Each structure stands twice: as structure tokens, then as C-alpha cells.
Amino acid sequence: MAGLNLRNRSGFWIEGTIEYTTTNEKGLQKTMTEKYCVEAVDFTQAEARLRAEMNCANRAIKIKAVVRPKYGEICFNDQGSIEDFWLVKVAVTEEVEVKTRKGGVKTKTKVRTRAHLVQATSDVSARTAIKEVVYKDSTEDWEIVNITKTKLLGVLERDKHLDNLAEERAKKEAADAELNK
């Protein structure tokens, strides 16, 4: 992981689920559902960005859902070939001072859970990214409690586009069409 180009980015992320109809290898109509993450200021902007980016293959899409995810940070791997995203939950333990009813102060231990989205090839590389990028210089007491692979197909960052994904999808659809001839 040390030689890879990892970057951590905070933002207002919104997950959007789209639905569209396509023709499969047998010539039958099939409804496809895909999930993307969009950096946007609100749900309306997220829907507009999804429509603009995903209508690229001359197909009508339907926005099924837009939701605010639990994560606010994404650790990107700019190595182009990595397509998987992992949701990593981290428990952060901190000591807080609490006033008592008698006017004193006592220290309590509080555990908060944070969620991070990590672009990685496996759960092991997601764990390494959290250690080496997100919490590398942290003085907090933290522990990874769960790592789950998501169904996200891509992330639309502000000022960046999924042009590469659109090109790849168009090539794949053209190759599929050639195979079906």
C-alpha cells in the first residue's frame, strides 16, 4: 500500500440508486439497478448529476432512491483499476469530563462509531488504507470494528466525472452487441 496513491476526502456525500432497462444476450428486456455515490450540496443536485452522468448510453434512467450515507469521508485509491468500495466502521474511544449533580467533575469513557468509505481491492487493503491514510497521525484511541463490501459502482466527485466509466460501459455494450450478432 505504501507505493499506491491514496487520498482521503471529506464532503457531503449522497448515495443514489438508478434503474434502467437493457436487452440481455437472449434479446429479453431486463431491468438493471445500480448504486452510485455523489458529492453534492443537496439531493436535487445529486439527482441532476446522476441523470447527467448516467444518461450517457442513450438510455432512460429512473432515480429509485437518494439517501444520505453514514460516512462523510472517502479514501480514494487513484490507481484506476480498483472498482470496489468498502464500508469501514471504526470505534473511537475518548475520555470526556462530565459535571456531576454535586458540582464535581468526573471522567467518563465514550465510544463513538465513525464510518469511512474506502476504495480498495480487498478488506485487507481497506484495513491498511484506514491505518496508513485516515488514522495515520491520529492521537485518538481507535479500532476497526467492521468492514463490509458495498454495492457502489462508482463515486462522482465534485468537478470530476465518470467519463472513464461511461467509456468503459459503452465499449462493453458494443462488445456485447458484437457477441449477440
Foldseek 3Di string as FASTA:
>chain_A
DVPFDKDKDFAFKKKWKKWWWDAALVRDIDIDIAIEIEGDPDPVVVVVQCQVFVCLVVTDMDTPDIGGDQAGMEIETPPPPFFWKKKWKKKWKDWDWDADPVGDIDIDIDIDIHIYIYGDDDPVVRVVCCCVYVCVPPPIDMDTDDMGIDRHRYYHYVPDGVPVVSVVVNVVVVVSVVVSD
